[in-house]
C-alpha atoms as a PDB file:
ATOM      1  CA  MET A   1       6.483  -9.647   0.362  1.00  0.00           C
ATOM      2  CA  HIS A   2       5.598 -11.763   3.406  1.00  0.00           C
ATOM      3  CA  GLN A   3       5.399  -8.618   5.774  1.00  0.00           C
ATOM      4  CA  VAL A   4       3.175  -6.906   3.364  1.00  0.00           C
ATOM      5  CA  LEU A   5       0.997  -9.913   3.030  1.00  0.00           C
ATOM      6  CA  GLU A   6       0.787 -10.259   6.945  1.00  0.00           C
ATOM      7  CA  ALA A   7      -0.337  -6.577   7.192  1.00  0.00           C
ATOM      8  CA  ALA A   8      -2.874  -7.078   4.444  1.00  0.00           C
ATOM      9  CA  GLU A   9      -4.170 -10.258   6.184  1.00  0.00           C
ATOM     10  CA  ARG A  10      -4.490  -8.654   9.519  1.00  0.00           C
ATOM     11  CA  ALA A  11      -6.500  -5.729   8.063  1.00  0.00           C
ATOM     12  CA  PHE A  12      -8.693  -8.073   5.894  1.00  0.00           C
ATOM     13  CA  VAL A  13      -9.627 -10.458   8.614  1.00  0.00           C
ATOM     14  CA  SER A  14     -10.262  -7.652  11.088  1.00  0.00           C
ATOM     15  CA  LEU A  15     -12.616  -6.083   8.556  1.00  0.00           C
ATOM     16  CA  THR A  16     -14.384  -9.181   7.261  1.00  0.00           C
ATOM     17  CA  GLY A  17     -13.747 -11.898   9.777  1.00  0.00           C
ATOM     18  CA  TYR A  18     -13.111 -14.182   6.800  1.00  0.00           C
ATOM     19  CA  THR A  19     -10.131 -16.543   6.780  1.00  0.00           C
ATOM     20  CA  GLY A  20     -11.062 -18.798   3.929  1.00  0.00           C
ATOM     21  CA  PHE A  21      -8.939 -17.030   1.344  1.00  0.00           C
ATOM     22  CA  ASP A  22      -6.319 -18.708  -0.922  1.00  0.00           C
ATOM     23  CA  ARG A  23      -2.855 -17.728   0.468  1.00  0.00           C
ATOM     24  CA  ALA A  24      -1.086 -19.142  -2.609  1.00  0.00           C
ATOM     25  CA  LEU A  25      -3.230 -16.820  -4.937  1.00  0.00           C
ATOM     26  CA  SER A  26      -2.395 -13.910  -2.472  1.00  0.00           C
ATOM     27  CA  GLU A  27       1.303 -14.581  -2.925  1.00  0.00           C
ATOM     28  CA  GLU A  28       0.967 -14.862  -6.657  1.00  0.00           C
ATOM     29  CA  ILE A  29      -0.936 -11.721  -7.063  1.00  0.00           C
ATOM     30  CA  LEU A  30       1.130  -9.696  -4.558  1.00  0.00           C
ATOM     31  CA  MET A  31       4.432 -10.636  -6.458  1.00  0.00           C
ATOM     32  CA  VAL A  32       2.909  -8.752  -9.381  1.00  0.00           C
ATOM     33  CA  VAL A  33       1.334  -5.831  -7.403  1.00  0.00           C
ATOM     34  CA  LEU A  34       4.411  -5.021  -5.467  1.00  0.00           C
ATOM     35  CA  LYS A  35       6.211  -4.478  -8.648  1.00  0.00           C
ATOM     36  CA  SER A  36       4.385  -0.965  -8.614  1.00  0.00           C
ATOM     37  CA  VAL A  37       6.174  -0.030  -5.507  1.00  0.00           C
ATOM     38  CA  SER A  38       9.266   1.971  -6.249  1.00  0.00           C
ATOM     39  CA  ALA A  39      12.613   0.973  -4.989  1.00  0.00           C
ATOM     40  CA  GLU A  40      12.654   4.047  -2.761  1.00  0.00           C
ATOM     41  CA  GLN A  41       9.288   3.079  -1.221  1.00  0.00           C
ATOM     42  CA  GLN A  42       9.994  -0.622  -0.649  1.00  0.00           C
ATOM     43  CA  GLU A  43      11.746  -0.314   2.670  1.00  0.00           C
ATOM     44  CA  GLY A  44       8.853   1.684   4.277  1.00  0.00           C
ATOM     45  CA  TYR A  45       6.093   0.189   2.335  1.00  0.00           C
ATOM     46  CA  VAL A  46       4.525  -1.828   5.249  1.00  0.00           C
ATOM     47  CA  ARG A  47       4.153   1.366   7.235  1.00  0.00           C
ATOM     48  CA  GLN A  48       2.802   3.135   4.181  1.00  0.00           C
ATOM     49  CA  LEU A  49       0.141   0.431   3.747  1.00  0.00           C
ATOM     50  CA  GLU A  50      -0.723   0.403   7.511  1.00  0.00           C
ATOM     51  CA  ALA A  51      -1.241   4.234   7.336  1.00  0.00           C
ATOM     52  CA  PHE A  52      -3.494   3.717   4.207  1.00  0.00           C
ATOM     53  CA  ILE A  53      -5.443   1.080   6.013  1.00  0.00           C
ATOM     54  CA  GLU A  54      -6.047   3.219   9.133  1.00  0.00           C
ATOM     55  CA  ALA A  55      -6.970   6.173   7.032  1.00  0.00           C
ATOM     56  CA  ASN A  56      -9.368   4.082   4.775  1.00  0.00           C
ATOM     57  CA  ARG A  57     -10.707   1.715   7.299  1.00  0.00           C
ATOM     58  CA  LYS A  58     -14.287   2.909   7.063  1.00  0.00           C
ATOM     59  CA  ARG A  59     -14.216   2.768   3.205  1.00  0.00           C
ATOM     60  CA  LEU A  60     -12.552  -0.674   3.079  1.00  0.00           C
ATOM     61  CA  GLY A  61     -15.229  -1.762   5.606  1.00  0.00           C
ATOM     62  CA  GLN A  62     -17.896  -0.597   3.241  1.00  0.00           C
ATOM     63  CA  LEU A  63     -16.222  -2.312   0.206  1.00  0.00           C
ATOM     64  CA  TYR A  64     -16.067  -5.585   1.947  1.00  0.00           C
ATOM     65  CA  GLY A  65     -19.526  -5.298   3.531  1.00  0.00           C
ATOM     66  CA  ARG A  66     -20.978  -4.922   0.117  1.00  0.00           C
ATOM     67  CA  TYR A  67     -18.766  -6.953  -2.103  1.00  0.00           C
ATOM     68  CA  GLY A  68     -16.690  -9.149   0.285  1.00  0.00           C
ATOM     69  CA  PRO A  69     -17.490 -12.493   2.055  1.00  0.00           C
ATOM     70  CA  GLY A  70     -21.005 -12.312   3.365  1.00  0.00           C
ATOM     71  CA  GLY A  71     -21.583  -8.968   1.782  1.00  0.00           C
ATOM     72  CA  ASN A  72     -24.872  -8.025   0.046  1.00  0.00           C
ATOM     73  CA  PHE A  73     -23.394  -8.220  -3.439  1.00  0.00           C
ATOM     74  CA  ALA A  74     -20.741 -10.833  -2.716  1.00  0.00           C
ATOM     75  CA  GLU A  75     -20.267 -12.951  -5.797  1.00  0.00           C
ATOM     76  CA  GLU A  76     -16.715 -14.287  -5.674  1.00  0.00           C
ATOM     77  CA  SER A  77     -16.957 -15.641  -9.241  1.00  0.00           C
ATOM     78  CA  ARG A  78     -17.375 -12.127 -10.670  1.00  0.00           C
ATOM     79  CA  CYS A  79     -14.504 -10.555  -8.681  1.00  0.00           C
ATOM     80  CA  TYR A  80     -12.398 -12.892  -6.500  1.00  0.00           C
ATOM     81  CA  LEU A  81     -10.279 -10.033  -5.186  1.00  0.00           C
ATOM     82  CA  THR A  82     -13.004  -9.013  -2.765  1.00  0.00           C
ATOM     83  CA  HIS A  83     -12.484 -12.196  -1.031  1.00  0.00           C
ATOM     84  CA  GLN A  84      -8.689 -12.006  -0.838  1.00  0.00           C
ATOM     85  CA  PRO A  85      -6.513 -10.109   1.612  1.00  0.00           C
ATOM     86  CA  GLU A  86      -4.188  -8.785  -1.127  1.00  0.00           C
ATOM     87  CA  SER A  87      -7.051  -6.555  -2.193  1.00  0.00           C
ATOM     88  CA  VAL A  88      -6.190  -4.057   0.500  1.00  0.00           C
ATOM     89  CA  VAL A  89      -2.777  -3.530  -1.338  1.00  0.00           C
ATOM     90  CA  VAL A  90      -4.566  -3.261  -4.619  1.00  0.00           C
ATOM     91  CA  CYS A  91      -6.737  -0.467  -3.209  1.00  0.00           C
ATOM     92  CA  GLU A  92      -3.651   1.348  -1.872  1.00  0.00           C
ATOM     93  CA  ARG A  93      -1.984   1.105  -5.271  1.00  0.00           C
ATOM     94  CA  LEU A  94      -5.199   2.114  -7.026  1.00  0.00           C
ATOM     95  CA  ASP A  95      -5.131   5.399  -4.941  1.00  0.00           C
ATOM     96  CA  THR A  96      -1.349   5.792  -5.367  1.00  0.00           C
ATOM     97  CA  VAL A  97      -0.244   4.667  -8.727  1.00  0.00           C
ATOM     98  CA  PRO A  98      -3.218   3.438 -10.820  1.00  0.00           C
ATOM     99  CA  MET A  99      -1.648   3.481 -14.069  1.00  0.00           C
ATOM    100  CA  TRP A 100       1.586   1.703 -12.928  1.00  0.00           C
ATOM    101  CA  LEU A 101      -0.696  -0.987 -11.256  1.00  0.00           C
ATOM    102  CA  ALA A 102      -2.671  -1.390 -14.401  1.00  0.00           C
ATOM    103  CA  ALA A 103       0.480  -1.745 -16.487  1.00  0.00           C
ATOM    104  CA  VAL A 104       2.112  -4.459 -14.359  1.00  0.00           C
ATOM    105  CA  TRP A 105      -1.217  -6.230 -13.624  1.00  0.00           C
ATOM    106  CA  ASN A 106      -2.047  -6.463 -17.453  1.00  0.00           C
ATOM    107  CA  ASP A 107       1.453  -7.461 -18.337  1.00  0.00           C
ATOM    108  CA  GLU A 108       1.617 -10.363 -15.969  1.00  0.00           C
ATOM    109  CA  LEU A 109      -1.822 -11.500 -14.839  1.00  0.00           C
ATOM    110  CA  ASP A 110      -4.364 -12.953 -17.129  1.00  0.00           C
ATOM    111  CA  ALA A 111      -7.272 -11.301 -15.286  1.00  0.00           C
ATOM    112  CA  GLU A 112      -7.547  -7.809 -16.757  1.00  0.00           C
ATOM    113  CA  LEU A 113     -11.247  -7.823 -16.193  1.00  0.00           C
ATOM    114  CA  THR A 114     -10.824  -8.625 -12.546  1.00  0.00           C
ATOM    115  CA  LEU A 115      -8.779  -5.487 -11.967  1.00  0.00           C
ATOM    116  CA  GLU A 116     -11.176  -3.390 -14.033  1.00  0.00           C
ATOM    117  CA  ARG A 117     -14.333  -4.646 -12.025  1.00  0.00           C
ATOM    118  CA  PHE A 118     -12.423  -4.359  -8.727  1.00  0.00           C
ATOM    119  CA  THR A 119     -11.340  -0.802  -9.550  1.00  0.00           C
ATOM    120  CA  LYS A 120     -15.044   0.122 -10.184  1.00  0.00           C
ATOM    121  CA  TYR A 121     -16.056  -1.382  -6.925  1.00  0.00           C
ATOM    122  CA  TRP A 122     -13.288   0.535  -4.975  1.00  0.00           C
ATOM    123  CA  ARG A 123     -13.894   3.923  -6.698  1.00  0.00           C
ATOM    124  CA  PHE A 124     -17.577   4.001  -7.439  1.00  0.00           C
ATOM    125  CA  GLY A 125     -19.280   1.023  -5.839  1.00  0.00           C
ATOM    126  CA  LEU A 126     -19.746   2.349  -2.328  1.00  0.00           C
END
């Protein structure tokens, strides 16, 4: 989990310049989100995530530019994920296994609306 978080933090900070995120919250959310990574994918997941970031750098930049820290529509109280580095992993999982992500998220995190709102930002809000 720590290697995934480090990769997500590097990407998030390079795209936003923001370092005021809650690392404990990142770890809590990642523990759940990473349950949607199959056992076969776990070993190479950091490379998979880095490839996703590289392929989607412009789209991620637009997401954070609009809804992230300092963005035109940044409202952390409506969707805190846009201010957290694990959101990079959430985007990758939304593009790869959206139903599996929703299942583990809704099972373990008491923030269903957060994932719903973030999904709309990622898919339609750009």
